[in-house]
Amino acid sequence: MKRSGILNRHLAGALAELGHSDTVLVCDAGMPIPAGPRVVDLAFRAGVPSFAEVLDGLLDELVVEGGTAAQEVREANPETDRLLRDSLPSLALVPHEELKGLSAGARLVVRTGEARPYANVLLRCGVFF
């Protein structure tokens, strides 16, 4: 059994398959899940695991070139807005409806137990060299 890092075997396997420019949607429990991408649903109960915990774990495991979030997060969820801005210096903001459309192209969807609005981000993978 692994001692550290991501223990969920479905998530660990999905992350290992990602390549340069693939996108990963990290979303709250209320975000519509697009048809097509691989989905790893980590939601256990409302707020568990939190969006912040999952994002932190993914950023430890992935090389991320940038991210895209809903512009509505700034007003509706300032805590998540700060987290995204601190974690992703090259964060782009788009209307929530546009983010939902972009998420259809994600290679992987990771659903958290977050129950606050607009706790969603589309991460764009990079390369480690």
C-alpha atoms as a PDB file:
ATOM      1  CA  MET A   1       0.000   0.000   0.000  1.00  0.00           C
ATOM      2  CA  LYS A   2       1.228   3.527  -0.791  1.00  0.00           C
ATOM      3  CA  ARG A   3       2.562   5.510   2.154  1.00  0.00           C
ATOM      4  CA  SER A   4       1.972   8.990   0.801  1.00  0.00           C
ATOM      5  CA  GLY A   5       0.451  10.922  -2.040  1.00  0.00           C
ATOM      6  CA  ILE A   6      -2.976  10.110  -3.429  1.00  0.00           C
ATOM      7  CA  LEU A   7      -4.292   6.818  -2.093  1.00  0.00           C
ATOM      8  CA  ASN A   8      -7.507   6.610  -4.109  1.00  0.00           C
ATOM      9  CA  ARG A   9      -6.545   4.072  -6.767  1.00  0.00           C
ATOM     10  CA  HIS A  10      -8.993   5.408  -9.340  1.00  0.00           C
ATOM     11  CA  LEU A  11      -7.649   8.936  -9.019  1.00  0.00           C
ATOM     12  CA  ALA A  12      -3.987   7.869  -8.917  1.00  0.00           C
ATOM     13  CA  GLY A  13      -4.456   5.812 -12.088  1.00  0.00           C
ATOM     14  CA  ALA A  14      -6.313   8.580 -13.910  1.00  0.00           C
ATOM     15  CA  LEU A  15      -3.613  11.147 -13.034  1.00  0.00           C
ATOM     16  CA  ALA A  16      -0.888   8.831 -14.332  1.00  0.00           C
ATOM     17  CA  GLU A  17      -2.597   8.765 -17.735  1.00  0.00           C
ATOM     18  CA  LEU A  18      -2.723  12.554 -18.189  1.00  0.00           C
ATOM     19  CA  GLY A  19      -0.520  14.279 -20.733  1.00  0.00           C
ATOM     20  CA  HIS A  20       0.508  17.762 -21.746  1.00  0.00           C
ATOM     21  CA  SER A  21      -2.464  20.075 -22.339  1.00  0.00           C
ATOM     22  CA  ASP A  22      -5.041  17.598 -20.975  1.00  0.00           C
ATOM     23  CA  THR A  23      -7.583  19.268 -18.729  1.00  0.00           C
ATOM     24  CA  VAL A  24      -8.947  18.201 -15.353  1.00  0.00           C
ATOM     25  CA  LEU A  25     -12.195  19.585 -13.970  1.00  0.00           C
ATOM     26  CA  VAL A  26     -12.140  19.806 -10.172  1.00  0.00           C
ATOM     27  CA  CYS A  27     -15.713  20.520  -9.166  1.00  0.00           C
ATOM     28  CA  ASP A  28     -18.122  20.897  -6.309  1.00  0.00           C
ATOM     29  CA  ALA A  29     -21.032  18.557  -5.690  1.00  0.00           C
ATOM     30  CA  GLY A  30     -23.406  20.802  -7.659  1.00  0.00           C
ATOM     31  CA  MET A  31     -21.493  21.132 -10.947  1.00  0.00           C
ATOM     32  CA  PRO A  32     -23.120  19.232 -13.820  1.00  0.00           C
ATOM     33  CA  ILE A  33     -20.842  16.361 -14.848  1.00  0.00           C
ATOM     34  CA  PRO A  34     -20.293  16.328 -18.611  1.00  0.00           C
ATOM     35  CA  ALA A  35     -20.772  13.094 -20.516  1.00  0.00           C
ATOM     36  CA  GLY A  36     -17.570  11.582 -21.827  1.00  0.00           C
ATOM     37  CA  PRO A  37     -14.659  12.287 -19.452  1.00  0.00           C
ATOM     38  CA  ARG A  38     -13.484   9.805 -16.859  1.00  0.00           C
ATOM     39  CA  VAL A  39     -15.056  10.705 -13.499  1.00  0.00           C
ATOM     40  CA  VAL A  40     -13.570  10.119 -10.059  1.00  0.00           C
ATOM     41  CA  ASP A  41     -16.220  11.022  -7.494  1.00  0.00           C
ATOM     42  CA  LEU A  42     -14.597  11.643  -4.117  1.00  0.00           C
ATOM     43  CA  ALA A  43     -17.721  13.158  -2.501  1.00  0.00           C
ATOM     44  CA  PHE A  44     -18.454  11.459   0.809  1.00  0.00           C
ATOM     45  CA  ARG A  45     -20.815  13.962   2.413  1.00  0.00           C
ATOM     46  CA  ALA A  46     -21.420  17.705   2.150  1.00  0.00           C
ATOM     47  CA  GLY A  47     -18.031  19.385   2.473  1.00  0.00           C
ATOM     48  CA  VAL A  48     -16.013  16.146   2.590  1.00  0.00           C
ATOM     49  CA  PRO A  49     -13.550  16.224   0.997  1.00  0.00           C
ATOM     50  CA  SER A  50     -13.335  19.957   0.593  1.00  0.00           C
ATOM     51  CA  PHE A  51     -12.483  21.635  -2.679  1.00  0.00           C
ATOM     52  CA  ALA A  52      -9.343  23.094  -1.049  1.00  0.00           C
ATOM     53  CA  GLU A  53      -8.112  19.678   0.113  1.00  0.00           C
ATOM     54  CA  VAL A  54      -8.615  18.088  -3.286  1.00  0.00           C
ATOM     55  CA  LEU A  55      -7.077  20.999  -5.185  1.00  0.00           C
ATOM     56  CA  ASP A  56      -4.056  20.999  -2.859  1.00  0.00           C
ATOM     57  CA  GLY A  57      -3.547  17.262  -3.363  1.00  0.00           C
ATOM     58  CA  LEU A  58      -3.861  17.503  -7.136  1.00  0.00           C
ATOM     59  CA  LEU A  59      -1.424  20.413  -7.344  1.00  0.00           C
ATOM     60  CA  ASP A  60       1.088  18.301  -5.395  1.00  0.00           C
ATOM     61  CA  GLU A  61       0.740  15.518  -7.984  1.00  0.00           C
ATOM     62  CA  LEU A  62       0.404  17.412 -11.289  1.00  0.00           C
ATOM     63  CA  VAL A  63       2.309  19.978 -13.288  1.00  0.00           C
ATOM     64  CA  VAL A  64      -0.314  22.637 -14.022  1.00  0.00           C
ATOM     65  CA  GLU A  65       0.201  25.353 -16.634  1.00  0.00           C
ATOM     66  CA  GLY A  66      -2.942  27.249 -15.771  1.00  0.00           C
ATOM     67  CA  GLY A  67      -6.549  27.122 -14.765  1.00  0.00           C
ATOM     68  CA  THR A  68      -9.955  28.498 -15.642  1.00  0.00           C
ATOM     69  CA  ALA A  69     -12.735  29.256 -13.175  1.00  0.00           C
ATOM     70  CA  ALA A  70     -16.111  30.965 -13.212  1.00  0.00           C
ATOM     71  CA  GLN A  71     -15.941  34.731 -12.834  1.00  0.00           C
ATOM     72  CA  GLU A  72     -18.929  34.480 -10.463  1.00  0.00           C
ATOM     73  CA  VAL A  73     -16.614  32.978  -7.815  1.00  0.00           C
ATOM     74  CA  ARG A  74     -15.255  36.453  -7.013  1.00  0.00           C
ATOM     75  CA  GLU A  75     -18.567  37.662  -5.569  1.00  0.00           C
ATOM     76  CA  ALA A  76     -20.297  34.435  -4.551  1.00  0.00           C
ATOM     77  CA  ASN A  77     -17.380  32.611  -2.905  1.00  0.00           C
ATOM     78  CA  PRO A  78     -14.481  34.942  -1.947  1.00  0.00           C
ATOM     79  CA  GLU A  79     -12.669  32.211   0.020  1.00  0.00           C
ATOM     80  CA  THR A  80     -12.452  29.950  -3.029  1.00  0.00           C
ATOM     81  CA  ASP A  81     -11.540  32.952  -5.189  1.00  0.00           C
ATOM     82  CA  ARG A  82      -8.537  33.668  -2.916  1.00  0.00           C
ATOM     83  CA  LEU A  83      -7.550  30.007  -2.915  1.00  0.00           C
ATOM     84  CA  LEU A  84      -7.618  29.837  -6.716  1.00  0.00           C
ATOM     85  CA  ARG A  85      -5.691  33.085  -7.163  1.00  0.00           C
ATOM     86  CA  ASP A  86      -3.044  32.028  -4.629  1.00  0.00           C
ATOM     87  CA  SER A  87      -2.721  28.517  -6.085  1.00  0.00           C
ATOM     88  CA  LEU A  88      -2.905  29.345  -9.799  1.00  0.00           C
ATOM     89  CA  PRO A  89      -1.085  32.541 -10.792  1.00  0.00           C
ATOM     90  CA  SER A  90      -2.244  32.179 -14.401  1.00  0.00           C
ATOM     91  CA  LEU A  91      -5.948  31.864 -13.557  1.00  0.00           C
ATOM     92  CA  ALA A  92      -8.449  32.866 -16.244  1.00  0.00           C
ATOM     93  CA  LEU A  93     -12.029  33.775 -15.361  1.00  0.00           C
ATOM     94  CA  VAL A  94     -14.974  33.130 -17.676  1.00  0.00           C
ATOM     95  CA  PRO A  95     -18.754  33.155 -17.181  1.00  0.00           C
ATOM     96  CA  HIS A  96     -20.004  30.021 -15.398  1.00  0.00           C
ATOM     97  CA  GLU A  97     -21.986  28.897 -18.440  1.00  0.00           C
ATOM     98  CA  GLU A  98     -18.792  29.059 -20.518  1.00  0.00           C
ATOM     99  CA  LEU A  99     -16.909  27.044 -17.888  1.00  0.00           C
ATOM    100  CA  LYS A 100     -19.597  24.360 -18.096  1.00  0.00           C
ATOM    101  CA  GLY A 101     -19.128  24.261 -21.870  1.00  0.00           C
ATOM    102  CA  LEU A 102     -15.333  24.055 -21.566  1.00  0.00           C
ATOM    103  CA  SER A 103     -15.625  21.240 -19.050  1.00  0.00           C
ATOM    104  CA  ALA A 104     -17.052  18.975 -21.754  1.00  0.00           C
ATOM    105  CA  GLY A 105     -13.522  18.786 -23.177  1.00  0.00           C
ATOM    106  CA  ALA A 106     -11.966  17.645 -19.894  1.00  0.00           C
ATOM    107  CA  ARG A 107     -10.120  14.353 -19.867  1.00  0.00           C
ATOM    108  CA  LEU A 108     -10.845  13.834 -16.166  1.00  0.00           C
ATOM    109  CA  VAL A 109     -13.483  15.112 -13.725  1.00  0.00           C
ATOM    110  CA  VAL A 110     -12.729  15.012  -9.994  1.00  0.00           C
ATOM    111  CA  ARG A 111     -15.854  15.669  -7.923  1.00  0.00           C
ATOM    112  CA  THR A 112     -15.386  16.934  -4.376  1.00  0.00           C
ATOM    113  CA  GLY A 113     -17.912  17.091  -1.554  1.00  0.00           C
ATOM    114  CA  GLU A 114     -17.798  20.889  -1.589  1.00  0.00           C
ATOM    115  CA  ALA A 115     -21.211  22.465  -1.125  1.00  0.00           C
ATOM    116  CA  ARG A 116     -20.374  26.163  -1.675  1.00  0.00           C
ATOM    117  CA  PRO A 117     -21.080  27.912  -5.002  1.00  0.00           C
ATOM    118  CA  TYR A 118     -18.587  28.081  -7.856  1.00  0.00           C
ATOM    119  CA  ALA A 119     -15.935  25.883  -6.214  1.00  0.00           C
ATOM    120  CA  ASN A 120     -14.883  24.619  -9.640  1.00  0.00           C
ATOM    121  CA  VAL A 121     -11.738  24.931 -11.713  1.00  0.00           C
ATOM    122  CA  LEU A 122     -10.529  23.519 -14.996  1.00  0.00           C
ATOM    123  CA  LEU A 123      -6.803  22.731 -14.708  1.00  0.00           C
ATOM    124  CA  ARG A 124      -4.567  22.551 -17.797  1.00  0.00           C
ATOM    125  CA  CYS A 125      -1.730  20.050 -17.425  1.00  0.00           C
ATOM    126  CA  GLY A 126       1.835  20.908 -18.285  1.00  0.00           C
ATOM    127  CA  VAL A 127       5.083  18.975 -18.554  1.00  0.00           C
ATOM    128  CA  PHE A 128       7.703  18.473 -15.844  1.00  0.00           C
ATOM    129  CA  PHE A 129      10.694  19.538 -17.972  1.00  0.00           C
END
